[in-house]
Amino acid sequence: MNVTSRLFTWNGEHVQQELSSQRNAGDFFATLAPWLIAAALVDWLVTRTLTRFAIFVPKTPEMITGYQWLNWLGQAGSTVAAFLALLGVGAIVVIEWRTRRTWWLALPMAGLATIGMLAPFFRPAIWLPGYSLLAVMVLLALSWRIIRTVAPAIAVRLALLLPVLAMAAAALYQGAPTLYALLRWSGPPAWGLPLFRVGEGLVVLGAAALWWVFGRCADRRSWLVGFLLAISFTAAYLTTPAMTATIVVWSHGLTLTLPWWLYVAALLLFSVTIVHNLRNGRRSVAWALLLLAAAGYAPQLSSQFWFGVIGVWLLSEESRV
């Protein structure tokens, strides 16, 4: 066998190994995704919503017992969700590193995951600056990947970039106190709160953009479900605005500083998009949107941050050129 034949043989085997590695990682991710979605929804709807809503409910002995069981369920779901999110991030790192050579995305994701695993063993002052920096780097790399690989339609790229930009605004807002303390600057920064509110607006705009790309052909049943959720939220807010705003902050991180009807419209469009894609068999899009919802705005835990990253990555996979 001459050198040229050997070279073609080696290249063919190398390509086959890469394709096999990508298929294995993709199959693992496809198996993991439904369980991750279920656990993330438990973390969001039980741990961060129902258990905290119980604060406003009268405490009879039966209610206290039910609250304890609900709290245990939420803690179990949150723990499983954090573990599965870490596995999902590992699968993405393998896909991006070994099969696509996008080291500029894989490396910061791997570094951030490593810090998250080692954080309990060190004081926050040691790892928090690095965590904040890598979180922003991951979002910037994910934005660049969207620009490079997503379909050239501006609407599609914008729909995927808006959630990432909202996450970046929240990450910068949360990381600013650490940065100012590290550099011994006087704080808090004047730009922090305006940036946070801009990010909240990006969440609302992102819901509309995602609907335009993935849900504007929805049927009447999808719109009916969306209207029911929107009407329920409207009734709750108009009846008890303070309690509703408090629950939304705890559950999703939104402060409701914008006009309330904007949030209603965003909820309507976002839920219509999810239901439409579930009904039409585009499970990856529906799963990604559910992960974005479970992540919330300004996530407090690394697992919630990973929900959002995985959700955007799934959407970018669905929209690849």
C-alpha atoms as a PDB file:
ATOM      1  CA  MET A   1       0.000   0.000   0.000  1.00  0.00           C
ATOM      2  CA  ASN A   2       1.530   3.365  -1.013  1.00  0.00           C
ATOM      3  CA  VAL A   3       1.644   6.494   1.133  1.00  0.00           C
ATOM      4  CA  THR A   4      -1.370   8.107  -0.570  1.00  0.00           C
ATOM      5  CA  SER A   5      -3.514   5.016   0.004  1.00  0.00           C
ATOM      6  CA  ARG A   6      -2.468   4.876   3.622  1.00  0.00           C
ATOM      7  CA  LEU A   7      -3.287   8.562   4.047  1.00  0.00           C
ATOM      8  CA  PHE A   8      -6.782   8.154   2.594  1.00  0.00           C
ATOM      9  CA  THR A   9      -7.321   5.047   4.732  1.00  0.00           C
ATOM     10  CA  TRP A  10      -6.237   6.884   7.882  1.00  0.00           C
ATOM     11  CA  ASN A  11      -8.388   9.905   7.032  1.00  0.00           C
ATOM     12  CA  GLY A  12     -11.390   7.652   6.410  1.00  0.00           C
ATOM     13  CA  GLU A  13     -10.908   5.850   9.705  1.00  0.00           C
ATOM     14  CA  HIS A  14     -10.440   9.184  11.487  1.00  0.00           C
ATOM     15  CA  VAL A  15     -13.658  10.581  10.018  1.00  0.00           C
ATOM     16  CA  GLN A  16     -15.517   7.405  10.933  1.00  0.00           C
ATOM     17  CA  GLN A  17     -14.243   7.654  14.512  1.00  0.00           C
ATOM     18  CA  GLU A  18     -15.359  11.277  14.738  1.00  0.00           C
ATOM     19  CA  LEU A  19     -18.801  10.464  13.348  1.00  0.00           C
ATOM     20  CA  SER A  20     -19.106   7.519  15.720  1.00  0.00           C
ATOM     21  CA  SER A  21     -18.090   9.700  18.665  1.00  0.00           C
ATOM     22  CA  GLN A  22     -20.636  12.351  17.691  1.00  0.00           C
ATOM     23  CA  ARG A  23     -23.380   9.742  17.303  1.00  0.00           C
ATOM     24  CA  ASN A  24     -22.569   8.222  20.688  1.00  0.00           C
ATOM     25  CA  ALA A  25     -22.576  11.606  22.415  1.00  0.00           C
ATOM     26  CA  GLY A  26     -25.753  12.583  20.559  1.00  0.00           C
ATOM     27  CA  ASP A  27     -27.489   9.333  21.497  1.00  0.00           C
ATOM     28  CA  PHE A  28     -26.450   9.813  25.129  1.00  0.00           C
ATOM     29  CA  PHE A  29     -27.793  13.365  25.070  1.00  0.00           C
ATOM     30  CA  ALA A  30     -31.082  12.249  23.479  1.00  0.00           C
ATOM     31  CA  THR A  31     -31.509   9.640  26.229  1.00  0.00           C
ATOM     32  CA  LEU A  32     -30.607  12.128  28.943  1.00  0.00           C
ATOM     33  CA  ALA A  33     -32.800  15.006  27.726  1.00  0.00           C
ATOM     34  CA  PRO A  34     -36.277  13.800  28.850  1.00  0.00           C
ATOM     35  CA  TRP A  35     -35.012  13.041  32.352  1.00  0.00           C
ATOM     36  CA  LEU A  36     -33.233  16.378  32.532  1.00  0.00           C
ATOM     37  CA  ILE A  37     -36.396  18.208  31.457  1.00  0.00           C
ATOM     38  CA  ALA A  38     -38.486  16.425  34.093  1.00  0.00           C
ATOM     39  CA  ALA A  39     -35.997  17.130  36.876  1.00  0.00           C
ATOM     40  CA  ALA A  40     -35.546  20.765  35.787  1.00  0.00           C
ATOM     41  CA  LEU A  41     -39.316  21.299  35.839  1.00  0.00           C
ATOM     42  CA  VAL A  42     -39.480  19.856  39.357  1.00  0.00           C
ATOM     43  CA  ASP A  43     -36.696  22.215  40.414  1.00  0.00           C
ATOM     44  CA  TRP A  44     -38.558  25.168  38.893  1.00  0.00           C
ATOM     45  CA  LEU A  45     -42.206  24.423  39.642  1.00  0.00           C
ATOM     46  CA  VAL A  46     -41.821  22.639  42.980  1.00  0.00           C
ATOM     47  CA  THR A  47     -38.631  23.878  44.655  1.00  0.00           C
ATOM     48  CA  ARG A  48     -38.744  27.481  43.465  1.00  0.00           C
ATOM     49  CA  THR A  49     -42.511  27.995  43.116  1.00  0.00           C
ATOM     50  CA  LEU A  50     -44.898  25.750  45.070  1.00  0.00           C
ATOM     51  CA  THR A  51     -42.781  25.389  48.208  1.00  0.00           C
ATOM     52  CA  ARG A  52     -42.317  29.154  48.385  1.00  0.00           C
ATOM     53  CA  PHE A  53     -45.951  29.830  47.586  1.00  0.00           C
ATOM     54  CA  ALA A  54     -46.754  27.804  50.720  1.00  0.00           C
ATOM     55  CA  ILE A  55     -45.406  30.720  52.772  1.00  0.00           C
ATOM     56  CA  PHE A  56     -48.635  32.579  52.028  1.00  0.00           C
ATOM     57  CA  VAL A  57     -50.909  29.623  52.914  1.00  0.00           C
ATOM     58  CA  PRO A  58     -52.315  29.090  56.455  1.00  0.00           C
ATOM     59  CA  LYS A  59     -50.335  26.379  58.283  1.00  0.00           C
ATOM     60  CA  THR A  60     -52.646  23.640  59.533  1.00  0.00           C
ATOM     61  CA  PRO A  61     -51.010  20.372  60.701  1.00  0.00           C
ATOM     62  CA  GLU A  62     -52.056  18.710  57.441  1.00  0.00           C
ATOM     63  CA  MET A  63     -50.618  21.580  55.419  1.00  0.00           C
ATOM     64  CA  ILE A  64     -47.316  21.379  57.283  1.00  0.00           C
ATOM     65  CA  THR A  65     -47.061  17.641  56.586  1.00  0.00           C
ATOM     66  CA  GLY A  66     -47.876  18.182  52.915  1.00  0.00           C
ATOM     67  CA  TYR A  67     -45.348  21.024  52.728  1.00  0.00           C
ATOM     68  CA  GLN A  68     -42.633  18.776  54.163  1.00  0.00           C
ATOM     69  CA  TRP A  69     -43.302  16.089  51.550  1.00  0.00           C
ATOM     70  CA  LEU A  70     -43.398  18.713  48.816  1.00  0.00           C
ATOM     71  CA  ASN A  71     -40.121  20.156  50.036  1.00  0.00           C
ATOM     72  CA  TRP A  72     -38.457  16.721  50.024  1.00  0.00           C
ATOM     73  CA  LEU A  73     -39.719  16.111  46.494  1.00  0.00           C
ATOM     74  CA  GLY A  74     -38.376  19.466  45.363  1.00  0.00           C
ATOM     75  CA  GLN A  75     -34.972  18.883  46.949  1.00  0.00           C
ATOM     76  CA  ALA A  76     -34.698  15.468  45.333  1.00  0.00           C
ATOM     77  CA  GLY A  77     -35.695  16.902  41.943  1.00  0.00           C
ATOM     78  CA  SER A  78     -33.227  19.775  42.251  1.00  0.00           C
ATOM     79  CA  THR A  79     -30.385  17.408  43.146  1.00  0.00           C
ATOM     80  CA  VAL A  80     -31.155  15.105  40.228  1.00  0.00           C
ATOM     81  CA  ALA A  81     -31.509  18.095  37.902  1.00  0.00           C
ATOM     82  CA  ALA A  82     -28.092  19.443  38.914  1.00  0.00           C
ATOM     83  CA  PHE A  83     -26.462  16.041  38.304  1.00  0.00           C
ATOM     84  CA  LEU A  84     -28.171  15.544  34.936  1.00  0.00           C
ATOM     85  CA  ALA A  85     -27.354  19.099  33.854  1.00  0.00           C
ATOM     86  CA  LEU A  86     -23.698  18.385  34.567  1.00  0.00           C
ATOM     87  CA  LEU A  87     -23.883  15.219  32.463  1.00  0.00           C
ATOM     88  CA  GLY A  88     -25.559  17.207  29.689  1.00  0.00           C
ATOM     89  CA  VAL A  89     -22.791  19.793  29.776  1.00  0.00           C
ATOM     90  CA  GLY A  90     -20.241  16.972  29.594  1.00  0.00           C
ATOM     91  CA  ALA A  91     -21.954  15.596  26.487  1.00  0.00           C
ATOM     92  CA  ILE A  92     -21.912  19.038  24.851  1.00  0.00           C
ATOM     93  CA  VAL A  93     -18.216  19.442  25.649  1.00  0.00           C
ATOM     94  CA  VAL A  94     -17.474  16.077  24.020  1.00  0.00           C
ATOM     95  CA  ILE A  95     -19.489  16.966  20.919  1.00  0.00           C
ATOM     96  CA  GLU A  96     -17.957  20.416  20.546  1.00  0.00           C
ATOM     97  CA  TRP A  97     -14.374  19.323  21.318  1.00  0.00           C
ATOM     98  CA  ARG A  98     -13.969  15.935  19.678  1.00  0.00           C
ATOM     99  CA  THR A  99     -16.190  16.210  16.639  1.00  0.00           C
ATOM    100  CA  ARG A 100     -16.356  19.923  15.768  1.00  0.00           C
ATOM    101  CA  ARG A 101     -13.083  21.232  17.177  1.00  0.00           C
ATOM    102  CA  THR A 102     -14.839  24.243  18.720  1.00  0.00           C
ATOM    103  CA  TRP A 103     -12.404  24.387  21.624  1.00  0.00           C
ATOM    104  CA  TRP A 104     -13.294  28.029  22.293  1.00  0.00           C
ATOM    105  CA  LEU A 105     -16.727  26.839  23.477  1.00  0.00           C
ATOM    106  CA  ALA A 106     -15.768  23.485  24.977  1.00  0.00           C
ATOM    107  CA  LEU A 107     -12.911  24.790  27.158  1.00  0.00           C
ATOM    108  CA  PRO A 108     -14.808  27.516  29.082  1.00  0.00           C
ATOM    109  CA  MET A 109     -17.754  25.152  29.565  1.00  0.00           C
ATOM    110  CA  ALA A 110     -15.452  22.443  30.934  1.00  0.00           C
ATOM    111  CA  GLY A 111     -13.679  24.973  33.156  1.00  0.00           C
ATOM    112  CA  LEU A 112     -16.945  26.351  34.514  1.00  0.00           C
ATOM    113  CA  ALA A 113     -18.248  22.848  35.222  1.00  0.00           C
ATOM    114  CA  THR A 114     -15.013  22.012  37.047  1.00  0.00           C
ATOM    115  CA  ILE A 115     -15.294  25.113  39.229  1.00  0.00           C
ATOM    116  CA  GLY A 116     -18.904  24.214  39.996  1.00  0.00           C
ATOM    117  CA  MET A 117     -17.883  20.749  41.182  1.00  0.00           C
ATOM    118  CA  LEU A 118     -14.958  21.995  43.289  1.00  0.00           C
ATOM    119  CA  ALA A 119     -16.721  25.075  44.727  1.00  0.00           C
ATOM    120  CA  PRO A 120     -18.042  23.349  47.899  1.00  0.00           C
ATOM    121  CA  PHE A 121     -14.458  22.650  49.009  1.00  0.00           C
ATOM    122  CA  PHE A 122     -13.225  26.261  48.858  1.00  0.00           C
ATOM    123  CA  ARG A 123     -14.264  29.659  50.127  1.00  0.00           C
ATOM    124  CA  PRO A 124     -16.387  31.710  47.679  1.00  0.00           C
ATOM    125  CA  ALA A 125     -13.732  34.423  47.553  1.00  0.00           C
ATOM    126  CA  ILE A 126     -11.399  31.929  45.871  1.00  0.00           C
ATOM    127  CA  TRP A 127     -13.622  30.576  43.107  1.00  0.00           C
ATOM    128  CA  LEU A 128     -16.361  33.173  42.619  1.00  0.00           C
ATOM    129  CA  PRO A 129     -14.333  35.615  40.436  1.00  0.00           C
ATOM    130  CA  GLY A 130     -13.249  32.783  38.128  1.00  0.00           C
ATOM    131  CA  TYR A 131     -16.784  31.427  37.991  1.00  0.00           C
ATOM    132  CA  SER A 132     -18.240  34.813  37.019  1.00  0.00           C
ATOM    133  CA  LEU A 133     -15.590  35.327  34.338  1.00  0.00           C
ATOM    134  CA  LEU A 134     -16.053  31.874  32.821  1.00  0.00           C
ATOM    135  CA  ALA A 135     -19.852  32.232  32.863  1.00  0.00           C
ATOM    136  CA  VAL A 136     -19.590  35.359  30.721  1.00  0.00           C
ATOM    137  CA  MET A 137     -17.029  33.627  28.472  1.00  0.00           C
ATOM    138  CA  VAL A 138     -19.389  30.683  27.953  1.00  0.00           C
ATOM    139  CA  LEU A 139     -22.198  33.027  26.915  1.00  0.00           C
ATOM    140  CA  LEU A 140     -19.935  34.977  24.562  1.00  0.00           C
ATOM    141  CA  ALA A 141     -18.670  31.744  22.987  1.00  0.00           C
ATOM    142  CA  LEU A 142     -22.218  30.459  22.645  1.00  0.00           C
ATOM    143  CA  SER A 143     -23.208  33.725  20.944  1.00  0.00           C
ATOM    144  CA  TRP A 144     -20.316  33.393  18.494  1.00  0.00           C
ATOM    145  CA  ARG A 145     -21.295  29.790  17.760  1.00  0.00           C
ATOM    146  CA  ILE A 146     -24.854  30.929  16.989  1.00  0.00           C
ATOM    147  CA  ILE A 147     -23.558  33.593  14.617  1.00  0.00           C
ATOM    148  CA  ARG A 148     -21.276  31.102  12.853  1.00  0.00           C
ATOM    149  CA  THR A 149     -23.434  27.990  12.558  1.00  0.00           C
ATOM    150  CA  VAL A 150     -27.103  28.983  12.739  1.00  0.00           C
ATOM    151  CA  ALA A 151     -29.144  29.445   9.553  1.00  0.00           C
ATOM    152  CA  PRO A 152     -28.392  32.819   7.929  1.00  0.00           C
ATOM    153  CA  ALA A 153     -31.914  34.178   8.473  1.00  0.00           C
ATOM    154  CA  ILE A 154     -31.623  37.226  10.734  1.00  0.00           C
ATOM    155  CA  ALA A 155     -34.822  36.348  12.612  1.00  0.00           C
ATOM    156  CA  VAL A 156     -33.471  32.930  13.598  1.00  0.00           C
ATOM    157  CA  ARG A 157     -30.148  34.276  14.823  1.00  0.00           C
ATOM    158  CA  LEU A 158     -31.845  37.087  16.717  1.00  0.00           C
ATOM    159  CA  ALA A 159     -34.292  34.675  18.360  1.00  0.00           C
ATOM    160  CA  LEU A 160     -31.386  32.594  19.676  1.00  0.00           C
ATOM    161  CA  LEU A 161     -29.169  35.532  20.605  1.00  0.00           C
ATOM    162  CA  LEU A 162     -31.760  37.386  22.683  1.00  0.00           C
ATOM    163  CA  PRO A 163     -31.936  34.729  25.469  1.00  0.00           C
ATOM    164  CA  VAL A 164     -28.135  34.543  25.531  1.00  0.00           C
ATOM    165  CA  LEU A 165     -27.868  38.335  25.798  1.00  0.00           C
ATOM    166  CA  ALA A 166     -30.425  38.316  28.625  1.00  0.00           C
ATOM    167  CA  MET A 167     -28.390  35.673  30.456  1.00  0.00           C
ATOM    168  CA  ALA A 168     -25.235  37.723  29.877  1.00  0.00           C
ATOM    169  CA  ALA A 169     -26.867  40.849  31.310  1.00  0.00           C
ATOM    170  CA  ALA A 170     -27.898  38.919  34.415  1.00  0.00           C
ATOM    171  CA  ALA A 171     -24.449  37.316  34.731  1.00  0.00           C
ATOM    172  CA  LEU A 172     -22.721  40.707  34.520  1.00  0.00           C
ATOM    173  CA  TYR A 173     -25.134  42.154  37.072  1.00  0.00           C
ATOM    174  CA  GLN A 174     -24.514  39.278  39.484  1.00  0.00           C
ATOM    175  CA  GLY A 175     -20.761  39.227  38.915  1.00  0.00           C
ATOM    176  CA  ALA A 176     -20.225  42.992  39.230  1.00  0.00           C
ATOM    177  CA  PRO A 177     -20.063  43.050  43.083  1.00  0.00           C
ATOM    178  CA  THR A 178     -17.404  40.318  43.027  1.00  0.00           C
ATOM    179  CA  LEU A 179     -15.377  42.194  40.412  1.00  0.00           C
ATOM    180  CA  TYR A 180     -15.622  45.493  42.298  1.00  0.00           C
ATOM    181  CA  ALA A 181     -14.631  43.829  45.567  1.00  0.00           C
ATOM    182  CA  LEU A 182     -11.693  42.083  43.886  1.00  0.00           C
ATOM    183  CA  LEU A 183     -10.427  45.325  42.356  1.00  0.00           C
ATOM    184  CA  ARG A 184     -11.313  47.301  45.502  1.00  0.00           C
ATOM    185  CA  TRP A 185     -13.492  49.714  43.624  1.00  0.00           C
ATOM    186  CA  SER A 186     -16.294  51.593  45.325  1.00  0.00           C
ATOM    187  CA  GLY A 187     -19.630  50.104  44.462  1.00  0.00           C
ATOM    188  CA  PRO A 188     -22.227  49.096  43.644  1.00  0.00           C
ATOM    189  CA  PRO A 189     -21.755  50.014  39.968  1.00  0.00           C
ATOM    190  CA  ALA A 190     -24.138  52.613  38.573  1.00  0.00           C
ATOM    191  CA  TRP A 191     -24.715  50.506  35.454  1.00  0.00           C
ATOM    192  CA  GLY A 192     -25.798  47.380  37.336  1.00  0.00           C
ATOM    193  CA  LEU A 193     -29.513  48.000  37.812  1.00  0.00           C
ATOM    194  CA  PRO A 194     -30.108  49.534  34.331  1.00  0.00           C
ATOM    195  CA  LEU A 195     -28.341  46.539  32.789  1.00  0.00           C
ATOM    196  CA  PHE A 196     -30.504  44.157  34.799  1.00  0.00           C
ATOM    197  CA  ARG A 197     -33.654  45.898  33.551  1.00  0.00           C
ATOM    198  CA  VAL A 198     -32.397  45.796  29.963  1.00  0.00           C
ATOM    199  CA  GLY A 199     -31.910  42.052  30.383  1.00  0.00           C
ATOM    200  CA  GLU A 200     -35.459  41.738  31.639  1.00  0.00           C
ATOM    201  CA  GLY A 201     -36.653  43.486  28.507  1.00  0.00           C
ATOM    202  CA  LEU A 202     -34.572  41.076  26.421  1.00  0.00           C
ATOM    203  CA  VAL A 203     -36.443  38.192  28.053  1.00  0.00           C
ATOM    204  CA  VAL A 204     -39.752  39.640  26.869  1.00  0.00           C
ATOM    205  CA  LEU A 205     -38.400  40.366  23.382  1.00  0.00           C
ATOM    206  CA  GLY A 206     -36.868  36.897  23.252  1.00  0.00           C
ATOM    207  CA  ALA A 207     -40.248  35.272  23.858  1.00  0.00           C
ATOM    208  CA  ALA A 208     -41.692  37.169  20.893  1.00  0.00           C
ATOM    209  CA  ALA A 209     -38.708  36.348  18.663  1.00  0.00           C
ATOM    210  CA  LEU A 210     -38.809  32.640  19.540  1.00  0.00           C
ATOM    211  CA  TRP A 211     -42.529  32.572  18.776  1.00  0.00           C
ATOM    212  CA  TRP A 212     -41.908  34.218  15.398  1.00  0.00           C
ATOM    213  CA  VAL A 213     -39.304  31.604  14.449  1.00  0.00           C
ATOM    214  CA  PHE A 214     -40.721  28.452  16.038  1.00  0.00           C
ATOM    215  CA  GLY A 215     -44.399  29.055  16.782  1.00  0.00           C
ATOM    216  CA  ARG A 216     -46.139  31.562  14.557  1.00  0.00           C
ATOM    217  CA  CYS A 217     -47.897  28.746  12.639  1.00  0.00           C
ATOM    218  CA  ALA A 218     -49.516  27.434  15.816  1.00  0.00           C
ATOM    219  CA  ASP A 219     -53.043  26.064  15.640  1.00  0.00           C
ATOM    220  CA  ARG A 220     -56.058  27.071  17.707  1.00  0.00           C
ATOM    221  CA  ARG A 221     -55.499  24.482  20.430  1.00  0.00           C
ATOM    222  CA  SER A 222     -51.997  25.781  21.071  1.00  0.00           C
ATOM    223  CA  TRP A 223     -53.357  29.315  21.299  1.00  0.00           C
ATOM    224  CA  LEU A 224     -56.106  28.130  23.650  1.00  0.00           C
ATOM    225  CA  VAL A 225     -53.554  26.692  26.089  1.00  0.00           C
ATOM    226  CA  GLY A 226     -51.517  29.880  25.850  1.00  0.00           C
ATOM    227  CA  PHE A 227     -54.545  32.070  26.516  1.00  0.00           C
ATOM    228  CA  LEU A 228     -55.508  29.990  29.563  1.00  0.00           C
ATOM    229  CA  LEU A 229     -52.046  30.440  31.082  1.00  0.00           C
ATOM    230  CA  ALA A 230     -51.987  34.152  30.239  1.00  0.00           C
ATOM    231  CA  ILE A 231     -55.458  34.726  31.703  1.00  0.00           C
ATOM    232  CA  SER A 232     -54.493  32.825  34.873  1.00  0.00           C
ATOM    233  CA  PHE A 233     -51.414  34.974  35.352  1.00  0.00           C
ATOM    234  CA  THR A 234     -53.402  38.152  34.637  1.00  0.00           C
ATOM    235  CA  ALA A 235     -56.052  37.224  37.200  1.00  0.00           C
ATOM    236  CA  ALA A 236     -53.416  36.420  39.820  1.00  0.00           C
ATOM    237  CA  TYR A 237     -51.522  39.654  39.225  1.00  0.00           C
ATOM    238  CA  LEU A 238     -54.580  41.918  39.228  1.00  0.00           C
ATOM    239  CA  THR A 239     -55.941  40.231  42.366  1.00  0.00           C
ATOM    240  CA  THR A 240     -52.731  40.186  44.421  1.00  0.00           C
ATOM    241  CA  PRO A 241     -49.983  42.075  42.582  1.00  0.00           C
ATOM    242  CA  ALA A 242     -47.504  42.095  45.477  1.00  0.00           C
ATOM    243  CA  MET A 243     -47.739  38.360  46.166  1.00  0.00           C
ATOM    244  CA  THR A 244     -47.649  37.496  42.461  1.00  0.00           C
ATOM    245  CA  ALA A 245     -44.569  39.662  41.888  1.00  0.00           C
ATOM    246  CA  THR A 246     -42.836  38.059  44.869  1.00  0.00           C
ATOM    247  CA  ILE A 247     -43.547  34.549  43.622  1.00  0.00           C
ATOM    248  CA  VAL A 248     -42.349  35.437  40.112  1.00  0.00           C
ATOM    249  CA  VAL A 249     -39.080  36.822  41.509  1.00  0.00           C
ATOM    250  CA  TRP A 250     -38.491  33.653  43.538  1.00  0.00           C
ATOM    251  CA  SER A 251     -39.604  31.350  40.752  1.00  0.00           C
ATOM    252  CA  HIS A 252     -38.223  32.960  37.612  1.00  0.00           C
ATOM    253  CA  GLY A 253     -36.089  35.929  38.629  1.00  0.00           C
ATOM    254  CA  LEU A 254     -38.219  38.541  36.848  1.00  0.00           C
ATOM    255  CA  THR A 255     -39.016  41.632  38.913  1.00  0.00           C
ATOM    256  CA  LEU A 256     -42.083  42.712  36.877  1.00  0.00           C
ATOM    257  CA  THR A 257     -40.764  46.271  36.654  1.00  0.00           C
ATOM    258  CA  LEU A 258     -41.986  46.561  33.068  1.00  0.00           C
ATOM    259  CA  PRO A 259     -45.713  47.042  32.355  1.00  0.00           C
ATOM    260  CA  TRP A 260     -47.466  43.878  33.459  1.00  0.00           C
ATOM    261  CA  TRP A 261     -49.169  43.298  30.106  1.00  0.00           C
ATOM    262  CA  LEU A 262     -45.761  42.815  28.453  1.00  0.00           C
ATOM    263  CA  TYR A 263     -45.134  39.811  30.683  1.00  0.00           C
ATOM    264  CA  VAL A 264     -48.593  38.478  29.871  1.00  0.00           C
ATOM    265  CA  ALA A 265     -47.871  38.777  26.150  1.00  0.00           C
ATOM    266  CA  ALA A 266     -44.496  37.082  26.594  1.00  0.00           C
ATOM    267  CA  LEU A 267     -46.077  34.240  28.579  1.00  0.00           C
ATOM    268  CA  LEU A 268     -48.760  33.827  25.913  1.00  0.00           C
ATOM    269  CA  LEU A 269     -46.310  33.652  23.008  1.00  0.00           C
ATOM    270  CA  PHE A 270     -43.796  31.467  24.825  1.00  0.00           C
ATOM    271  CA  SER A 271     -46.378  28.914  25.956  1.00  0.00           C
ATOM    272  CA  VAL A 272     -47.987  28.842  22.489  1.00  0.00           C
ATOM    273  CA  THR A 273     -44.567  28.085  20.993  1.00  0.00           C
ATOM    274  CA  ILE A 274     -43.938  25.217  23.418  1.00  0.00           C
ATOM    275  CA  VAL A 275     -47.350  23.620  22.895  1.00  0.00           C
ATOM    276  CA  HIS A 276     -47.145  24.053  19.120  1.00  0.00           C
ATOM    277  CA  ASN A 277     -43.799  22.273  18.903  1.00  0.00           C
ATOM    278  CA  LEU A 278     -44.921  19.489  21.229  1.00  0.00           C
ATOM    279  CA  ARG A 279     -48.013  18.902  19.095  1.00  0.00           C
ATOM    280  CA  ASN A 280     -45.978  18.904  15.880  1.00  0.00           C
ATOM    281  CA  GLY A 281     -43.303  16.485  17.048  1.00  0.00           C
ATOM    282  CA  ARG A 282     -40.431  18.981  17.338  1.00  0.00           C
ATOM    283  CA  ARG A 283     -39.525  17.765  20.791  1.00  0.00           C
ATOM    284  CA  SER A 284     -36.020  19.219  20.795  1.00  0.00           C
ATOM    285  CA  VAL A 285     -37.411  22.743  20.363  1.00  0.00           C
ATOM    286  CA  ALA A 286     -40.047  22.210  23.064  1.00  0.00           C
ATOM    287  CA  TRP A 287     -37.452  20.727  25.433  1.00  0.00           C
ATOM    288  CA  ALA A 288     -35.091  23.631  24.813  1.00  0.00           C
ATOM    289  CA  LEU A 289     -37.804  26.182  25.571  1.00  0.00           C
ATOM    290  CA  LEU A 290     -38.793  24.342  28.736  1.00  0.00           C
ATOM    291  CA  LEU A 291     -35.159  24.393  29.857  1.00  0.00           C
ATOM    292  CA  LEU A 292     -35.006  28.142  29.221  1.00  0.00           C
ATOM    293  CA  ALA A 293     -38.147  28.581  31.301  1.00  0.00           C
ATOM    294  CA  ALA A 294     -36.726  26.409  34.077  1.00  0.00           C
ATOM    295  CA  ALA A 295     -33.475  28.374  34.051  1.00  0.00           C
ATOM    296  CA  GLY A 296     -35.299  31.639  34.608  1.00  0.00           C
ATOM    297  CA  TYR A 297     -33.770  35.082  34.485  1.00  0.00           C
ATOM    298  CA  ALA A 298     -30.715  35.677  36.707  1.00  0.00           C
ATOM    299  CA  PRO A 299     -30.312  32.040  37.873  1.00  0.00           C
ATOM    300  CA  GLN A 300     -29.105  31.662  41.444  1.00  0.00           C
ATOM    301  CA  LEU A 301     -27.502  28.215  41.066  1.00  0.00           C
ATOM    302  CA  SER A 302     -25.026  26.849  38.550  1.00  0.00           C
ATOM    303  CA  SER A 303     -27.485  24.086  37.616  1.00  0.00           C
ATOM    304  CA  GLN A 304     -30.065  26.691  36.608  1.00  0.00           C
ATOM    305  CA  PHE A 305     -27.452  28.478  34.527  1.00  0.00           C
ATOM    306  CA  TRP A 306     -26.725  25.182  32.753  1.00  0.00           C
ATOM    307  CA  PHE A 307     -30.439  24.729  32.019  1.00  0.00           C
ATOM    308  CA  GLY A 308     -30.334  27.921  29.985  1.00  0.00           C
ATOM    309  CA  VAL A 309     -27.060  27.091  28.237  1.00  0.00           C
ATOM    310  CA  ILE A 310     -28.264  23.612  27.267  1.00  0.00           C
ATOM    311  CA  GLY A 311     -31.581  25.060  26.087  1.00  0.00           C
ATOM    312  CA  VAL A 312     -29.919  27.585  23.791  1.00  0.00           C
ATOM    313  CA  TRP A 313     -27.484  24.937  22.522  1.00  0.00           C
ATOM    314  CA  LEU A 314     -30.388  22.640  21.631  1.00  0.00           C
ATOM    315  CA  LEU A 315     -32.084  25.457  19.731  1.00  0.00           C
ATOM    316  CA  SER A 316     -28.870  26.183  17.854  1.00  0.00           C
ATOM    317  CA  GLU A 317     -28.601  22.506  16.938  1.00  0.00           C
ATOM    318  CA  GLU A 318     -32.145  22.593  15.598  1.00  0.00           C
ATOM    319  CA  SER A 319     -31.303  25.671  13.511  1.00  0.00           C
ATOM    320  CA  ARG A 320     -27.904  24.682  12.173  1.00  0.00           C
ATOM    321  CA  VAL A 321     -27.114  25.496   8.548  1.00  0.00           C
END
